PDB file of N, CA and C in Angstrom:
ATOM      1  N   MET A   1       6.666   4.062   9.871  1.00  0.00           N
ATOM      2  CA  MET A   1       6.242   3.884   8.644  1.00  0.00           C
ATOM      3  C   MET A   1       7.169   4.852   7.633  1.00  0.00           C
ATOM      4  N   LYS A   2       7.472   5.988   8.284  1.00  0.00           N
ATOM      5  CA  LYS A   2       8.311   6.883   7.426  1.00  0.00           C
ATOM      6  C   LYS A   2       9.561   6.426   6.962  1.00  0.00           C
ATOM      7  N   ASP A   3      10.393   5.618   7.929  1.00  0.00           N
ATOM      8  CA  ASP A   3      11.574   4.942   7.559  1.00  0.00           C
ATOM      9  C   ASP A   3      11.390   3.838   6.553  1.00  0.00           C
ATOM     10  N   TYR A   4      10.172   3.172   6.622  1.00  0.00           N
ATOM     11  CA  TYR A   4       9.967   1.917   5.778  1.00  0.00           C
ATOM     12  C   TYR A   4       9.736   2.420   4.363  1.00  0.00           C
ATOM     13  N   VAL A   5       9.093   3.551   4.100  1.00  0.00           N
ATOM     14  CA  VAL A   5       8.830   3.952   2.690  1.00  0.00           C
ATOM     15  C   VAL A   5       9.931   4.925   2.221  1.00  0.00           C
ATOM     16  N   SER A   6      10.809   5.369   2.995  1.00  0.00           N
ATOM     17  CA  SER A   6      11.812   6.470   2.663  1.00  0.00           C
ATOM     18  C   SER A   6      12.668   5.954   1.515  1.00  0.00           C
ATOM     19  N   TRP A   7      12.881   4.716   1.383  1.00  0.00           N
ATOM     20  CA  TRP A   7      13.801   4.353   0.256  1.00  0.00           C
ATOM     21  C   TRP A   7      13.350   4.383  -1.122  1.00  0.00           C
ATOM     22  N   VAL A   8      11.906   4.790  -1.235  1.00  0.00           N
ATOM     23  CA  VAL A   8      11.413   4.841  -2.617  1.00  0.00           C
ATOM     24  C   VAL A   8      11.229   6.433  -3.036  1.00  0.00           C
ATOM     25  N   GLY A   9      11.641   7.185  -2.149  1.00  0.00           N
ATOM     26  CA  GLY A   9      11.516   8.685  -2.494  1.00  0.00           C
ATOM     27  C   GLY A   9      10.292   9.370  -1.941  1.00  0.00           C
ATOM     28  N   GLY A  10      10.127  10.526  -2.320  1.00  0.00           N
ATOM     29  CA  GLY A  10       8.982  11.382  -1.861  1.00  0.00           C
ATOM     30  C   GLY A  10       7.537  11.125  -2.429  1.00  0.00           C
ATOM     31  N   LYS A  11       7.421  10.216  -3.358  1.00  0.00           N
ATOM     32  CA  LYS A  11       6.172  10.098  -4.007  1.00  0.00           C
ATOM     33  C   LYS A  11       5.277   9.044  -3.454  1.00  0.00           C
ATOM     34  N   VAL A  12       5.818   8.343  -2.396  1.00  0.00           N
ATOM     35  CA  VAL A  12       4.978   7.292  -1.692  1.00  0.00           C
ATOM     36  C   VAL A  12       4.760   7.665  -0.278  1.00  0.00           C
ATOM     37  N   THR A  13       3.507   7.686   0.090  1.00  0.00           N
ATOM     38  CA  THR A  13       3.058   7.976   1.469  1.00  0.00           C
ATOM     39  C   THR A  13       2.577   6.709   2.218  1.00  0.00           C
ATOM     40  N   GLY A  14       3.244   6.562   3.242  1.00  0.00           N
ATOM     41  CA  GLY A  14       2.774   5.525   4.192  1.00  0.00           C
ATOM     42  C   GLY A  14       1.779   5.905   5.100  1.00  0.00           C
ATOM     43  N   LEU A  15       0.651   5.169   5.312  1.00  0.00           N
ATOM     44  CA  LEU A  15      -0.398   5.463   6.027  1.00  0.00           C
ATOM     45  C   LEU A  15      -0.317   4.740   7.450  1.00  0.00           C
ATOM     46  N   THR A  16      -0.748   5.365   8.629  1.00  0.00           N
ATOM     47  CA  THR A  16      -0.841   4.631   9.889  1.00  0.00           C
ATOM     48  C   THR A  16      -1.782   5.340  10.814  1.00  0.00           C
ATOM     49  N   GLY A  17      -1.967   4.896  11.872  1.00  0.00           N
ATOM     50  CA  GLY A  17      -3.022   5.397  12.726  1.00  0.00           C
ATOM     51  C   GLY A  17      -3.237   4.559  13.948  1.00  0.00           C
ATOM     52  N   THR A  18      -4.349   4.869  14.693  1.00  0.00           N
ATOM     53  CA  THR A  18      -4.625   4.004  15.868  1.00  0.00           C
ATOM     54  C   THR A  18      -5.081   2.753  15.250  1.00  0.00           C
ATOM     55  N   PRO A  19      -5.126   1.718  16.117  1.00  0.00           N
ATOM     56  CA  PRO A  19      -5.678   0.422  15.652  1.00  0.00           C
ATOM     57  C   PRO A  19      -7.008   0.410  15.097  1.00  0.00           C
ATOM     58  N   ASP A  20      -7.937   1.270  15.751  1.00  0.00           N
ATOM     59  CA  ASP A  20      -9.226   1.454  15.081  1.00  0.00           C
ATOM     60  C   ASP A  20      -9.164   2.149  13.730  1.00  0.00           C
ATOM     61  N   GLN A  21      -8.498   3.089  13.635  1.00  0.00           N
ATOM     62  CA  GLN A  21      -8.367   3.770  12.315  1.00  0.00           C
ATOM     63  C   GLN A  21      -7.757   2.871  11.188  1.00  0.00           C
ATOM     64  N   ILE A  22      -6.857   2.113  11.661  1.00  0.00           N
ATOM     65  CA  ILE A  22      -6.194   1.060  10.684  1.00  0.00           C
ATOM     66  C   ILE A  22      -7.280   0.038  10.331  1.00  0.00           C
ATOM     67  N   ALA A  23      -8.050  -0.509  11.229  1.00  0.00           N
ATOM     68  CA  ALA A  23      -9.039  -1.553  11.077  1.00  0.00           C
ATOM     69  C   ALA A  23     -10.176  -0.854  10.091  1.00  0.00           C
ATOM     70  N   ASN A  24     -10.494   0.477  10.214  1.00  0.00           N
ATOM     71  CA  ASN A  24     -11.420   1.009   9.287  1.00  0.00           C
ATOM     72  C   ASN A  24     -10.829   1.152   7.885  1.00  0.00           C
ATOM     73  N   ILE A  25      -9.586   1.582   7.709  1.00  0.00           N
ATOM     74  CA  ILE A  25      -9.023   1.576   6.306  1.00  0.00           C
ATOM     75  C   ILE A  25      -8.982   0.193   5.738  1.00  0.00           C
ATOM     76  N   VAL A  26      -8.602  -0.886   6.550  1.00  0.00           N
ATOM     77  CA  VAL A  26      -8.537  -2.303   6.063  1.00  0.00           C
ATOM     78  C   VAL A  26      -9.851  -2.668   5.449  1.00  0.00           C
ATOM     79  N   THR A  27     -10.862  -2.418   6.121  1.00  0.00           N
ATOM     80  CA  THR A  27     -12.280  -2.756   5.721  1.00  0.00           C
ATOM     81  C   THR A  27     -12.624  -1.959   4.580  1.00  0.00           C
ATOM     82  N   ALA A  28     -12.445  -0.532   4.724  1.00  0.00           N
ATOM     83  CA  ALA A  28     -12.925   0.221   3.505  1.00  0.00           C
ATOM     84  C   ALA A  28     -12.202  -0.040   2.275  1.00  0.00           C
ATOM     85  N   TRP A  29     -11.037  -0.431   2.189  1.00  0.00           N
ATOM     86  CA  TRP A  29     -10.218  -0.628   1.063  1.00  0.00           C
ATOM     87  C   TRP A  29     -10.161  -2.107   0.707  1.00  0.00           C
ATOM     88  N   GLY A  30     -10.808  -2.945   1.453  1.00  0.00           N
ATOM     89  CA  GLY A  30     -10.669  -4.415   1.059  1.00  0.00           C
ATOM     90  C   GLY A  30      -9.243  -5.087   1.141  1.00  0.00           C
ATOM     91  N   ILE A  31      -8.634  -4.492   2.193  1.00  0.00           N
ATOM     92  CA  ILE A  31      -7.099  -4.986   2.407  1.00  0.00           C
ATOM     93  C   ILE A  31      -7.183  -6.286   3.183  1.00  0.00           C
ATOM     94  N   TYR A  32      -6.416  -7.260   2.841  1.00  0.00           N
ATOM     95  CA  TYR A  32      -6.179  -8.566   3.598  1.00  0.00           C
ATOM     96  C   TYR A  32      -4.986  -8.166   4.637  1.00  0.00           C
ATOM     97  N   SER A  33      -5.176  -8.532   5.843  1.00  0.00           N
ATOM     98  CA  SER A  33      -4.116  -8.462   6.840  1.00  0.00           C
ATOM     99  C   SER A  33      -4.317  -9.611   7.895  1.00  0.00           C
ATOM    100  N   LYS A  34      -3.137 -10.091   8.293  1.00  0.00           N
ATOM    101  CA  LYS A  34      -3.239 -11.248   9.366  1.00  0.00           C
ATOM    102  C   LYS A  34      -1.964 -11.096  10.173  1.00  0.00           C
ATOM    103  N   LYS A  35      -2.089 -11.027  11.435  1.00  0.00           N
ATOM    104  CA  LYS A  35      -0.951 -11.020  12.359  1.00  0.00           C
ATOM    105  C   LYS A  35      -0.445 -12.481  12.534  1.00  0.00           C
ATOM    106  N   ILE A  36       0.900 -12.733  12.330  1.00  0.00           N
ATOM    107  CA  ILE A  36       1.472 -13.970  12.344  1.00  0.00           C
ATOM    108  C   ILE A  36       2.393 -13.992  13.529  1.00  0.00           C
ATOM    109  N   PRO A  37       2.133 -14.865  14.564  1.00  0.00           N
ATOM    110  CA  PRO A  37       2.970 -14.863  15.602  1.00  0.00           C
ATOM    111  C   PRO A  37       4.337 -15.643  15.249  1.00  0.00           C
ATOM    112  N   LEU A  38       5.438 -15.155  15.888  1.00  0.00           N
ATOM    113  CA  LEU A  38       6.731 -15.722  15.735  1.00  0.00           C
ATOM    114  C   LEU A  38       7.086 -16.481  16.868  1.00  0.00           C
ATOM    115  N   ASP A  39       8.146 -17.397  16.750  1.00  0.00           N
ATOM    116  CA  ASP A  39       8.514 -18.283  17.816  1.00  0.00           C
ATOM    117  C   ASP A  39       9.052 -17.440  19.028  1.00  0.00           C
ATOM    118  N   ASP A  40       9.563 -16.199  18.759  1.00  0.00           N
ATOM    119  CA  ASP A  40      10.204 -15.518  19.859  1.00  0.00           C
ATOM    120  C   ASP A  40       9.205 -14.584  20.554  1.00  0.00           C
ATOM    121  N   GLY A  41       7.916 -14.705  20.265  1.00  0.00           N
ATOM    122  CA  GLY A  41       6.878 -13.795  20.857  1.00  0.00           C
ATOM    123  C   GLY A  41       6.627 -12.667  20.043  1.00  0.00           C
ATOM    124  N   ASP A  42       7.296 -12.314  19.241  1.00  0.00           N
ATOM    125  CA  ASP A  42       7.153 -11.172  18.360  1.00  0.00           C
ATOM    126  C   ASP A  42       6.226 -11.530  17.243  1.00  0.00           C
ATOM    127  N   TYR A  43       5.943 -10.702  16.227  1.00  0.00           N
ATOM    128  CA  TYR A  43       4.969 -11.131  15.136  1.00  0.00           C
ATOM    129  C   TYR A  43       5.443 -10.439  13.782  1.00  0.00           C
ATOM    130  N   SER A  44       4.739 -11.120  12.813  1.00  0.00           N
ATOM    131  CA  SER A  44       4.919 -10.310  11.530  1.00  0.00           C
ATOM    132  C   SER A  44       3.535 -10.135  10.958  1.00  0.00           C
ATOM    133  N   MET A  45       3.424  -9.340   9.809  1.00  0.00           N
ATOM    134  CA  MET A  45       2.115  -9.105   9.296  1.00  0.00           C
ATOM    135  C   MET A  45       2.236  -9.663   7.835  1.00  0.00           C
ATOM    136  N   ASP A  46       1.139 -10.540   7.586  1.00  0.00           N
ATOM    137  CA  ASP A  46       0.866 -10.912   6.228  1.00  0.00           C
ATOM    138  C   ASP A  46      -0.113  -9.872   5.693  1.00  0.00           C
ATOM    139  N   HIS A  47       0.062  -9.374   4.569  1.00  0.00           N
ATOM    140  CA  HIS A  47      -0.859  -8.334   4.105  1.00  0.00           C
ATOM    141  C   HIS A  47      -0.912  -8.126   2.578  1.00  0.00           C
ATOM    142  N   THR A  48      -1.908  -7.424   2.121  1.00  0.00           N
ATOM    143  CA  THR A  48      -1.856  -6.942   0.741  1.00  0.00           C
ATOM    144  C   THR A  48      -0.623  -6.320   0.412  1.00  0.00           C
ATOM    145  N   ALA A  49      -0.120  -6.608  -0.731  1.00  0.00           N
ATOM    146  CA  ALA A  49       1.348  -6.020  -1.198  1.00  0.00           C
ATOM    147  C   ALA A  49       1.153  -5.188  -2.319  1.00  0.00           C
ATOM    148  N   SER A  50      -0.013  -4.821  -2.796  1.00  0.00           N
ATOM    149  CA  SER A  50      -0.269  -3.982  -3.934  1.00  0.00           C
ATOM    150  C   SER A  50      -0.053  -2.477  -3.551  1.00  0.00           C
ATOM    151  N   VAL A  51       0.488  -1.800  -4.680  1.00  0.00           N
ATOM    152  CA  VAL A  51       0.489  -0.229  -4.500  1.00  0.00           C
ATOM    153  C   VAL A  51      -0.870   0.228  -4.959  1.00  0.00           C
ATOM    154  N   PHE A  52      -1.374   1.054  -4.136  1.00  0.00           N
ATOM    155  CA  PHE A  52      -2.645   1.581  -4.488  1.00  0.00           C
ATOM    156  C   PHE A  52      -2.387   3.025  -5.202  1.00  0.00           C
ATOM    157  N   LEU A  53      -2.941   3.206  -6.302  1.00  0.00           N
ATOM    158  CA  LEU A  53      -2.756   4.400  -7.030  1.00  0.00           C
ATOM    159  C   LEU A  53      -3.752   5.434  -6.909  1.00  0.00           C
ATOM    160  N   LEU A  54      -3.471   6.554  -6.331  1.00  0.00           N
ATOM    161  CA  LEU A  54      -4.572   7.556  -6.172  1.00  0.00           C
ATOM    162  C   LEU A  54      -4.202   8.869  -6.983  1.00  0.00           C
ATOM    163  N   ASN A  55      -5.196   9.540  -7.431  1.00  0.00           N
ATOM    164  CA  ASN A  55      -4.959  10.761  -8.153  1.00  0.00           C
ATOM    165  C   ASN A  55      -4.638  11.952  -7.275  1.00  0.00           C
ATOM    166  N   SER A  56      -4.389  13.141  -7.829  1.00  0.00           N
ATOM    167  CA  SER A  56      -4.093  14.243  -6.986  1.00  0.00           C
ATOM    168  C   SER A  56      -5.288  14.745  -5.927  1.00  0.00           C
ATOM    169  N   GLN A  57      -6.481  14.254  -6.210  1.00  0.00           N
ATOM    170  CA  GLN A  57      -7.564  14.527  -5.266  1.00  0.00           C
ATOM    171  C   GLN A  57      -7.787  13.310  -4.351  1.00  0.00           C
ATOM    172  N   GLY A  58      -6.889  12.420  -4.287  1.00  0.00           N
ATOM    173  CA  GLY A  58      -6.903  11.293  -3.291  1.00  0.00           C
ATOM    174  C   GLY A  58      -7.860  10.163  -3.811  1.00  0.00           C
ATOM    175  N   GLN A  59      -8.366  10.219  -4.888  1.00  0.00           N
ATOM    176  CA  GLN A  59      -9.355   9.205  -5.376  1.00  0.00           C
ATOM    177  C   GLN A  59      -8.541   7.931  -6.110  1.00  0.00           C
ATOM    178  N   PHE A  60      -9.239   6.837  -5.742  1.00  0.00           N
ATOM    179  CA  PHE A  60      -8.617   5.598  -6.227  1.00  0.00           C
ATOM    180  C   PHE A  60      -8.599   5.501  -7.663  1.00  0.00           C
ATOM    181  N   GLU A  61      -7.398   5.061  -8.398  1.00  0.00           N
ATOM    182  CA  GLU A  61      -7.287   5.009  -9.794  1.00  0.00           C
ATOM    183  C   GLU A  61      -6.995   3.630 -10.095  1.00  0.00           C
ATOM    184  N   GLY A  62      -6.478   2.796  -9.237  1.00  0.00           N
ATOM    185  CA  GLY A  62      -6.015   1.322  -9.657  1.00  0.00           C
ATOM    186  C   GLY A  62      -4.925   0.849  -8.656  1.00  0.00           C
ATOM    187  N   THR A  63      -4.462  -0.227  -9.016  1.00  0.00           N
ATOM    188  CA  THR A  63      -3.336  -0.796  -8.311  1.00  0.00           C
ATOM    189  C   THR A  63      -2.220  -1.417  -9.217  1.00  0.00           C
ATOM    190  N   ILE A  64      -1.100  -1.570  -8.648  1.00  0.00           N
ATOM    191  CA  ILE A  64       0.097  -2.368  -9.226  1.00  0.00           C
ATOM    192  C   ILE A  64       0.289  -3.351  -8.191  1.00  0.00           C
ATOM    193  N   ALA A  65       0.201  -4.577  -8.779  1.00  0.00           N
ATOM    194  CA  ALA A  65       0.140  -5.723  -7.888  1.00  0.00           C
ATOM    195  C   ALA A  65       1.613  -6.116  -7.644  1.00  0.00           C
ATOM    196  N   TYR A  66       1.938  -6.796  -6.403  1.00  0.00           N
ATOM    197  CA  TYR A  66       3.206  -7.161  -6.151  1.00  0.00           C
ATOM    198  C   TYR A  66       3.801  -8.122  -7.193  1.00  0.00           C
ATOM    199  N   GLY A  67       4.879  -7.887  -7.782  1.00  0.00           N
ATOM    200  CA  GLY A  67       5.486  -8.663  -8.795  1.00  0.00           C
ATOM    201  C   GLY A  67       4.966  -8.436 -10.191  1.00  0.00           C
ATOM    202  N   GLU A  68       4.173  -7.433 -10.338  1.00  0.00           N
ATOM    203  CA  GLU A  68       3.575  -7.091 -11.723  1.00  0.00           C
ATOM    204  C   GLU A  68       4.711  -6.864 -12.597  1.00  0.00           C
ATOM    205  N   ASP A  69       4.505  -7.220 -13.903  1.00  0.00           N
ATOM    206  CA  ASP A  69       5.576  -6.761 -14.881  1.00  0.00           C
ATOM    207  C   ASP A  69       5.823  -5.391 -15.006  1.00  0.00           C
ATOM    208  N   THR A  70       7.037  -5.037 -15.346  1.00  0.00           N
ATOM    209  CA  THR A  70       7.265  -3.519 -15.267  1.00  0.00           C
ATOM    210  C   THR A  70       6.488  -2.718 -16.294  1.00  0.00           C
ATOM    211  N   LYS A  71       6.339  -3.404 -17.633  1.00  0.00           N
ATOM    212  CA  LYS A  71       5.727  -2.419 -18.638  1.00  0.00           C
ATOM    213  C   LYS A  71       4.319  -2.077 -18.188  1.00  0.00           C
ATOM    214  N   PRO A  72       3.408  -3.071 -17.786  1.00  0.00           N
ATOM    215  CA  PRO A  72       2.069  -2.591 -17.448  1.00  0.00           C
ATOM    216  C   PRO A  72       1.997  -1.719 -16.243  1.00  0.00           C
ATOM    217  N   ALA A  73       2.970  -1.936 -15.396  1.00  0.00           N
ATOM    218  CA  ALA A  73       2.879  -1.055 -14.186  1.00  0.00           C
ATOM    219  C   ALA A  73       3.338   0.311 -14.567  1.00  0.00           C
ATOM    220  N   LEU A  74       4.355   0.534 -15.550  1.00  0.00           N
ATOM    221  CA  LEU A  74       4.847   1.873 -15.911  1.00  0.00           C
ATOM    222  C   LEU A  74       3.658   2.416 -16.645  1.00  0.00           C
ATOM    223  N   GLU A  75       2.884   1.697 -17.444  1.00  0.00           N
ATOM    224  CA  GLU A  75       1.793   2.274 -18.213  1.00  0.00           C
ATOM    225  C   GLU A  75       0.695   2.888 -17.230  1.00  0.00           C
ATOM    226  N   LYS A  76       0.492   2.198 -16.252  1.00  0.00           N
ATOM    227  CA  LYS A  76      -0.542   2.633 -15.078  1.00  0.00           C
ATOM    228  C   LYS A  76       0.005   3.925 -14.548  1.00  0.00           C
ATOM    229  N   LEU A  77       1.333   3.937 -14.273  1.00  0.00           N
ATOM    230  CA  LEU A  77       1.732   5.316 -13.572  1.00  0.00           C
ATOM    231  C   LEU A  77       1.826   6.444 -14.646  1.00  0.00           C
ATOM    232  N   LYS A  78       2.162   6.190 -15.921  1.00  0.00           N
ATOM    233  CA  LYS A  78       2.136   7.229 -16.880  1.00  0.00           C
ATOM    234  C   LYS A  78       0.782   7.712 -17.014  1.00  0.00           C
ATOM    235  N   ARG A  79      -0.403   6.805 -17.096  1.00  0.00           N
ATOM    236  CA  ARG A  79      -1.690   7.218 -17.230  1.00  0.00           C
ATOM    237  C   ARG A  79      -2.174   8.120 -16.142  1.00  0.00           C
ATOM    238  N   LEU A  80      -1.639   7.755 -14.891  1.00  0.00           N
ATOM    239  CA  LEU A  80      -1.975   8.485 -13.618  1.00  0.00           C
ATOM    240  C   LEU A  80      -1.456   9.879 -13.826  1.00  0.00           C
ATOM    241  N   LEU A  81      -0.146   9.986 -14.166  1.00  0.00           N
ATOM    242  CA  LEU A  81       0.539  11.180 -14.223  1.00  0.00           C
ATOM    243  C   LEU A  81      -0.056  12.204 -15.428  1.00  0.00           C
ATOM    244  N   ASP A  82      -0.608  11.543 -16.339  1.00  0.00           N
ATOM    245  CA  ASP A  82      -1.198  12.376 -17.527  1.00  0.00           C
ATOM    246  C   ASP A  82      -2.498  13.005 -17.070  1.00  0.00           C
ATOM    247  N   LYS A  83      -3.128  12.505 -16.059  1.00  0.00           N
ATOM    248  CA  LYS A  83      -4.592  13.089 -15.671  1.00  0.00           C
ATOM    249  C   LYS A  83      -4.287  14.394 -15.025  1.00  0.00           C
TER     250      LYS A  83
END
């Protein structure tokens, strides 16, 4: 996960854990995920692609949807940073 999110800098935290821990997070946050088998025996994951915005206390503040226009996404980030 660290390698996956490293390209965006130090402000993004990738979360991982045991399969049970991940299942608990998926349920608690209402995340969609589905394992997609590939022809070579490997798999891919179809999943929620939104960015979850959390304040400095770790509380949910909103999301930025995959493909969301830049202007509203930046406004959301500015509001979060102003808190």
